[in-house]
């Protein structure tokens, strides 16, 4: 159905902006949310031990097999059941982690760093998705709730695909709209 100029619904989102959003462009808001998500994930409450935690040993075991050459990297694209125990076989975690290991060497903290960097993308992506569906107020509230969620903060810094799955789900929803 074609709209005439008088019938076209107006975009209310531009009039319902938060004061700080009028002064900041969308890119700046997205970058600030990402930096905040990375910072809270790395230095947030609780911390993580210096040993494998919450299924990370499965991730490390599979990653070392790829790193040592015992398994070809193409096997990271094979279908698995997608549980935390398969984290070392997910290309979303395996390929970036192996690339980082080539630069700084293998280790638990480099596995976690990759998970944090990728998982933190979920917060600005949720803001963009909610802004597209609703308005900037709802978007800011949704991103803030995700950013402060204890479950998100735990799994975002744990080297498993659980934290990554939030961002993958949001990106899928965004792409389908």
C-alpha atoms as a PDB file:
ATOM      1  CA  UNK A   1       0.000   0.000   0.000  1.00  0.00           C
ATOM      2  CA  UNK A   2       1.418   3.374  -0.972  1.00  0.00           C
ATOM      3  CA  UNK A   3       1.180   6.191   1.551  1.00  0.00           C
ATOM      4  CA  UNK A   4       0.538   9.798   0.625  1.00  0.00           C
ATOM      5  CA  UNK A   5       2.564  12.429   2.417  1.00  0.00           C
ATOM      6  CA  UNK A   6      -0.366  13.298   4.691  1.00  0.00           C
ATOM      7  CA  UNK A   7      -1.133   9.662   5.562  1.00  0.00           C
ATOM      8  CA  UNK A   8       2.429   8.481   6.175  1.00  0.00           C
ATOM      9  CA  UNK A   9       3.017   7.626   9.819  1.00  0.00           C
ATOM     10  CA  UNK A  10       5.586   9.875  11.416  1.00  0.00           C
ATOM     11  CA  UNK A  11       8.751   8.508  12.942  1.00  0.00           C
ATOM     12  CA  UNK A  12       8.245   9.148  16.630  1.00  0.00           C
ATOM     13  CA  UNK A  13      11.644   7.791  17.649  1.00  0.00           C
ATOM     14  CA  UNK A  14      13.428  11.039  16.780  1.00  0.00           C
ATOM     15  CA  UNK A  15      11.206  13.010  19.166  1.00  0.00           C
ATOM     16  CA  UNK A  16      11.528  10.492  22.020  1.00  0.00           C
ATOM     17  CA  UNK A  17      15.299  10.539  22.345  1.00  0.00           C
ATOM     18  CA  UNK A  18      17.106  10.769  25.618  1.00  0.00           C
ATOM     19  CA  UNK A  19      18.958  14.071  26.089  1.00  0.00           C
ATOM     20  CA  UNK A  20      22.382  12.442  25.789  1.00  0.00           C
ATOM     21  CA  UNK A  21      21.298  10.676  22.589  1.00  0.00           C
ATOM     22  CA  UNK A  22      20.572  13.986  20.855  1.00  0.00           C
ATOM     23  CA  UNK A  23      24.177  15.027  21.400  1.00  0.00           C
ATOM     24  CA  UNK A  24      25.777  11.693  20.464  1.00  0.00           C
ATOM     25  CA  UNK A  25      25.635   9.998  17.077  1.00  0.00           C
ATOM     26  CA  UNK A  26      24.563   6.367  16.918  1.00  0.00           C
ATOM     27  CA  UNK A  27      28.112   5.160  16.257  1.00  0.00           C
ATOM     28  CA  UNK A  28      29.390   6.817  19.418  1.00  0.00           C
ATOM     29  CA  UNK A  29      26.619   5.217  21.493  1.00  0.00           C
ATOM     30  CA  UNK A  30      27.356   1.785  20.015  1.00  0.00           C
ATOM     31  CA  UNK A  31      31.101   2.143  20.663  1.00  0.00           C
ATOM     32  CA  UNK A  32      30.522   3.342  24.234  1.00  0.00           C
ATOM     33  CA  UNK A  33      28.199   0.408  24.965  1.00  0.00           C
ATOM     34  CA  UNK A  34      30.767  -2.012  23.530  1.00  0.00           C
ATOM     35  CA  UNK A  35      33.613  -0.569  25.604  1.00  0.00           C
ATOM     36  CA  UNK A  36      31.438  -0.671  28.710  1.00  0.00           C
ATOM     37  CA  UNK A  37      30.497  -4.302  28.031  1.00  0.00           C
ATOM     38  CA  UNK A  38      34.136  -5.333  27.544  1.00  0.00           C
ATOM     39  CA  UNK A  39      35.191  -3.456  30.661  1.00  0.00           C
ATOM     40  CA  UNK A  40      32.492  -4.962  32.864  1.00  0.00           C
ATOM     41  CA  UNK A  41      33.138  -8.429  31.471  1.00  0.00           C
ATOM     42  CA  UNK A  42      36.877  -8.230  32.157  1.00  0.00           C
ATOM     43  CA  UNK A  43      36.848  -6.392  35.471  1.00  0.00           C
ATOM     44  CA  UNK A  44      33.280  -6.970  36.588  1.00  0.00           C
ATOM     45  CA  UNK A  45      32.058  -8.526  39.775  1.00  0.00           C
ATOM     46  CA  UNK A  46      33.067 -11.991  40.794  1.00  0.00           C
ATOM     47  CA  UNK A  47      36.147 -12.504  38.682  1.00  0.00           C
ATOM     48  CA  UNK A  48      37.261 -15.897  37.435  1.00  0.00           C
ATOM     49  CA  UNK A  49      39.820 -18.325  38.827  1.00  0.00           C
ATOM     50  CA  UNK A  50      43.192 -19.066  37.254  1.00  0.00           C
ATOM     51  CA  UNK A  51      42.054 -22.568  36.339  1.00  0.00           C
ATOM     52  CA  UNK A  52      39.466 -23.820  33.861  1.00  0.00           C
ATOM     53  CA  UNK A  53      35.992 -23.095  35.064  1.00  0.00           C
ATOM     54  CA  UNK A  54      32.480 -23.989  33.925  1.00  0.00           C
ATOM     55  CA  UNK A  55      33.219 -26.372  31.037  1.00  0.00           C
ATOM     56  CA  UNK A  56      36.282 -24.414  29.852  1.00  0.00           C
ATOM     57  CA  UNK A  57      38.379 -27.583  30.062  1.00  0.00           C
ATOM     58  CA  UNK A  58      36.364 -29.026  27.148  1.00  0.00           C
ATOM     59  CA  UNK A  59      37.053 -25.870  25.139  1.00  0.00           C
ATOM     60  CA  UNK A  60      40.768 -26.023  25.931  1.00  0.00           C
ATOM     61  CA  UNK A  61      40.988 -29.736  25.124  1.00  0.00           C
ATOM     62  CA  UNK A  62      39.474 -29.280  21.668  1.00  0.00           C
ATOM     63  CA  UNK A  63      41.439 -26.102  20.957  1.00  0.00           C
ATOM     64  CA  UNK A  64      44.748 -27.776  21.760  1.00  0.00           C
ATOM     65  CA  UNK A  65      43.922 -30.559  19.297  1.00  0.00           C
ATOM     66  CA  UNK A  66      43.491 -27.978  16.551  1.00  0.00           C
ATOM     67  CA  UNK A  67      46.542 -26.000  17.725  1.00  0.00           C
ATOM     68  CA  UNK A  68      48.796 -29.058  17.791  1.00  0.00           C
ATOM     69  CA  UNK A  69      47.625 -30.138  14.353  1.00  0.00           C
ATOM     70  CA  UNK A  70      45.950 -33.334  15.575  1.00  0.00           C
ATOM     71  CA  UNK A  71      42.710 -32.202  13.916  1.00  0.00           C
ATOM     72  CA  UNK A  72      42.273 -30.160  10.736  1.00  0.00           C
ATOM     73  CA  UNK A  73      40.657 -26.748  11.264  1.00  0.00           C
ATOM     74  CA  UNK A  74      37.867 -27.575   8.808  1.00  0.00           C
ATOM     75  CA  UNK A  75      36.440 -29.914  11.461  1.00  0.00           C
ATOM     76  CA  UNK A  76      35.458 -26.846  13.495  1.00  0.00           C
ATOM     77  CA  UNK A  77      32.670 -26.372  10.944  1.00  0.00           C
ATOM     78  CA  UNK A  78      31.221 -29.852  11.503  1.00  0.00           C
ATOM     79  CA  UNK A  79      27.815 -30.026  13.142  1.00  0.00           C
ATOM     80  CA  UNK A  80      27.803 -30.594  16.880  1.00  0.00           C
ATOM     81  CA  UNK A  81      25.025 -30.503  19.414  1.00  0.00           C
ATOM     82  CA  UNK A  82      25.974 -26.953  20.434  1.00  0.00           C
ATOM     83  CA  UNK A  83      26.440 -27.508  24.139  1.00  0.00           C
ATOM     84  CA  UNK A  84      29.102 -25.919  26.320  1.00  0.00           C
ATOM     85  CA  UNK A  85      31.077 -29.122  25.976  1.00  0.00           C
ATOM     86  CA  UNK A  86      31.391 -28.442  22.230  1.00  0.00           C
ATOM     87  CA  UNK A  87      32.810 -24.932  22.659  1.00  0.00           C
ATOM     88  CA  UNK A  88      36.207 -25.939  21.333  1.00  0.00           C
ATOM     89  CA  UNK A  89      34.584 -27.135  18.117  1.00  0.00           C
ATOM     90  CA  UNK A  90      32.598 -23.971  17.358  1.00  0.00           C
ATOM     91  CA  UNK A  91      34.107 -21.856  14.575  1.00  0.00           C
ATOM     92  CA  UNK A  92      32.828 -18.746  16.381  1.00  0.00           C
ATOM     93  CA  UNK A  93      35.243 -19.444  19.227  1.00  0.00           C
ATOM     94  CA  UNK A  94      37.837 -21.763  17.684  1.00  0.00           C
ATOM     95  CA  UNK A  95      39.077 -19.679  14.758  1.00  0.00           C
ATOM     96  CA  UNK A  96      39.536 -16.351  16.620  1.00  0.00           C
ATOM     97  CA  UNK A  97      41.138 -18.113  19.588  1.00  0.00           C
ATOM     98  CA  UNK A  98      43.598 -20.005  17.415  1.00  0.00           C
ATOM     99  CA  UNK A  99      44.462 -16.753  15.621  1.00  0.00           C
ATOM    100  CA  UNK A 100      45.155 -15.069  18.966  1.00  0.00           C
ATOM    101  CA  UNK A 101      47.194 -18.060  20.096  1.00  0.00           C
ATOM    102  CA  UNK A 102      49.406 -17.609  17.036  1.00  0.00           C
ATOM    103  CA  UNK A 103      50.116 -14.049  18.190  1.00  0.00           C
ATOM    104  CA  UNK A 104      50.512 -14.396  21.970  1.00  0.00           C
ATOM    105  CA  UNK A 105      50.621 -18.124  22.598  1.00  0.00           C
ATOM    106  CA  UNK A 106      48.072 -20.520  24.013  1.00  0.00           C
ATOM    107  CA  UNK A 107      46.563 -19.935  27.392  1.00  0.00           C
ATOM    108  CA  UNK A 108      43.400 -19.704  29.427  1.00  0.00           C
ATOM    109  CA  UNK A 109      43.268 -15.913  29.524  1.00  0.00           C
ATOM    110  CA  UNK A 110      43.613 -15.633  25.754  1.00  0.00           C
ATOM    111  CA  UNK A 111      40.665 -18.047  25.402  1.00  0.00           C
ATOM    112  CA  UNK A 112      38.640 -15.879  27.751  1.00  0.00           C
ATOM    113  CA  UNK A 113      39.691 -12.662  26.034  1.00  0.00           C
ATOM    114  CA  UNK A 114      38.289 -13.894  22.715  1.00  0.00           C
ATOM    115  CA  UNK A 115      35.012 -14.834  24.417  1.00  0.00           C
ATOM    116  CA  UNK A 116      34.777 -11.383  26.048  1.00  0.00           C
ATOM    117  CA  UNK A 117      35.526  -9.467  22.850  1.00  0.00           C
ATOM    118  CA  UNK A 118      32.908 -11.405  20.876  1.00  0.00           C
ATOM    119  CA  UNK A 119      30.259 -11.656  23.614  1.00  0.00           C
ATOM    120  CA  UNK A 120      30.427  -7.921  24.345  1.00  0.00           C
ATOM    121  CA  UNK A 121      29.070  -7.261  20.853  1.00  0.00           C
ATOM    122  CA  UNK A 122      25.674  -8.458  22.129  1.00  0.00           C
ATOM    123  CA  UNK A 123      25.089  -5.268  24.144  1.00  0.00           C
ATOM    124  CA  UNK A 124      25.356  -2.695  21.315  1.00  0.00           C
ATOM    125  CA  UNK A 125      23.601  -5.104  18.927  1.00  0.00           C
ATOM    126  CA  UNK A 126      20.686  -5.366  21.374  1.00  0.00           C
ATOM    127  CA  UNK A 127      20.561  -1.570  21.605  1.00  0.00           C
ATOM    128  CA  UNK A 128      20.402  -1.303  17.806  1.00  0.00           C
ATOM    129  CA  UNK A 129      17.742  -4.022  17.574  1.00  0.00           C
ATOM    130  CA  UNK A 130      15.547  -2.518  20.306  1.00  0.00           C
ATOM    131  CA  UNK A 131      15.917   0.958  18.820  1.00  0.00           C
ATOM    132  CA  UNK A 132      14.783  -0.396  15.474  1.00  0.00           C
ATOM    133  CA  UNK A 133      11.802  -2.202  17.011  1.00  0.00           C
ATOM    134  CA  UNK A 134      10.787   0.348  19.668  1.00  0.00           C
ATOM    135  CA  UNK A 135      12.574   3.586  20.540  1.00  0.00           C
ATOM    136  CA  UNK A 136      15.842   4.798  22.112  1.00  0.00           C
ATOM    137  CA  UNK A 137      14.416   4.668  25.662  1.00  0.00           C
ATOM    138  CA  UNK A 138      13.514   1.009  25.367  1.00  0.00           C
ATOM    139  CA  UNK A 139      16.808   0.299  23.607  1.00  0.00           C
ATOM    140  CA  UNK A 140      18.828   1.859  26.411  1.00  0.00           C
ATOM    141  CA  UNK A 141      16.863  -0.036  29.042  1.00  0.00           C
ATOM    142  CA  UNK A 142      17.287  -3.353  27.226  1.00  0.00           C
ATOM    143  CA  UNK A 143      21.029  -2.856  26.714  1.00  0.00           C
ATOM    144  CA  UNK A 144      21.432  -1.802  30.344  1.00  0.00           C
ATOM    145  CA  UNK A 145      19.601  -4.861  31.638  1.00  0.00           C
ATOM    146  CA  UNK A 146      21.715  -7.185  29.509  1.00  0.00           C
ATOM    147  CA  UNK A 147      24.887  -5.376  30.531  1.00  0.00           C
ATOM    148  CA  UNK A 148      24.090  -5.776  34.217  1.00  0.00           C
ATOM    149  CA  UNK A 149      22.771  -9.332  34.012  1.00  0.00           C
ATOM    150  CA  UNK A 150      24.879 -11.598  36.241  1.00  0.00           C
ATOM    151  CA  UNK A 151      24.359 -14.554  33.894  1.00  0.00           C
ATOM    152  CA  UNK A 152      25.549 -12.527  30.904  1.00  0.00           C
ATOM    153  CA  UNK A 153      28.595 -11.216  32.764  1.00  0.00           C
ATOM    154  CA  UNK A 154      29.546 -14.730  33.873  1.00  0.00           C
ATOM    155  CA  UNK A 155      29.169 -16.429  30.512  1.00  0.00           C
ATOM    156  CA  UNK A 156      30.564 -13.515  28.502  1.00  0.00           C
ATOM    157  CA  UNK A 157      33.936 -14.012  30.170  1.00  0.00           C
ATOM    158  CA  UNK A 158      33.880 -17.804  30.226  1.00  0.00           C
ATOM    159  CA  UNK A 159      35.535 -19.495  27.254  1.00  0.00           C
ATOM    160  CA  UNK A 160      32.426 -21.350  26.110  1.00  0.00           C
ATOM    161  CA  UNK A 161      29.948 -20.717  23.317  1.00  0.00           C
ATOM    162  CA  UNK A 162      27.170 -19.913  25.781  1.00  0.00           C
ATOM    163  CA  UNK A 163      28.139 -16.238  26.061  1.00  0.00           C
ATOM    164  CA  UNK A 164      28.590 -15.998  22.313  1.00  0.00           C
ATOM    165  CA  UNK A 165      25.135 -17.447  21.668  1.00  0.00           C
ATOM    166  CA  UNK A 166      23.411 -14.307  23.006  1.00  0.00           C
ATOM    167  CA  UNK A 167      25.091 -12.126  20.375  1.00  0.00           C
ATOM    168  CA  UNK A 168      24.498 -14.678  17.642  1.00  0.00           C
ATOM    169  CA  UNK A 169      20.794 -14.768  18.519  1.00  0.00           C
ATOM    170  CA  UNK A 170      20.508 -10.965  18.546  1.00  0.00           C
ATOM    171  CA  UNK A 171      22.378 -10.679  15.236  1.00  0.00           C
ATOM    172  CA  UNK A 172      20.034 -13.247  13.714  1.00  0.00           C
ATOM    173  CA  UNK A 173      16.959 -11.326  14.887  1.00  0.00           C
ATOM    174  CA  UNK A 174      18.433  -8.086  13.572  1.00  0.00           C
ATOM    175  CA  UNK A 175      19.176  -9.644  10.179  1.00  0.00           C
ATOM    176  CA  UNK A 176      15.658 -11.052   9.891  1.00  0.00           C
ATOM    177  CA  UNK A 177      13.983  -7.662  10.398  1.00  0.00           C
END
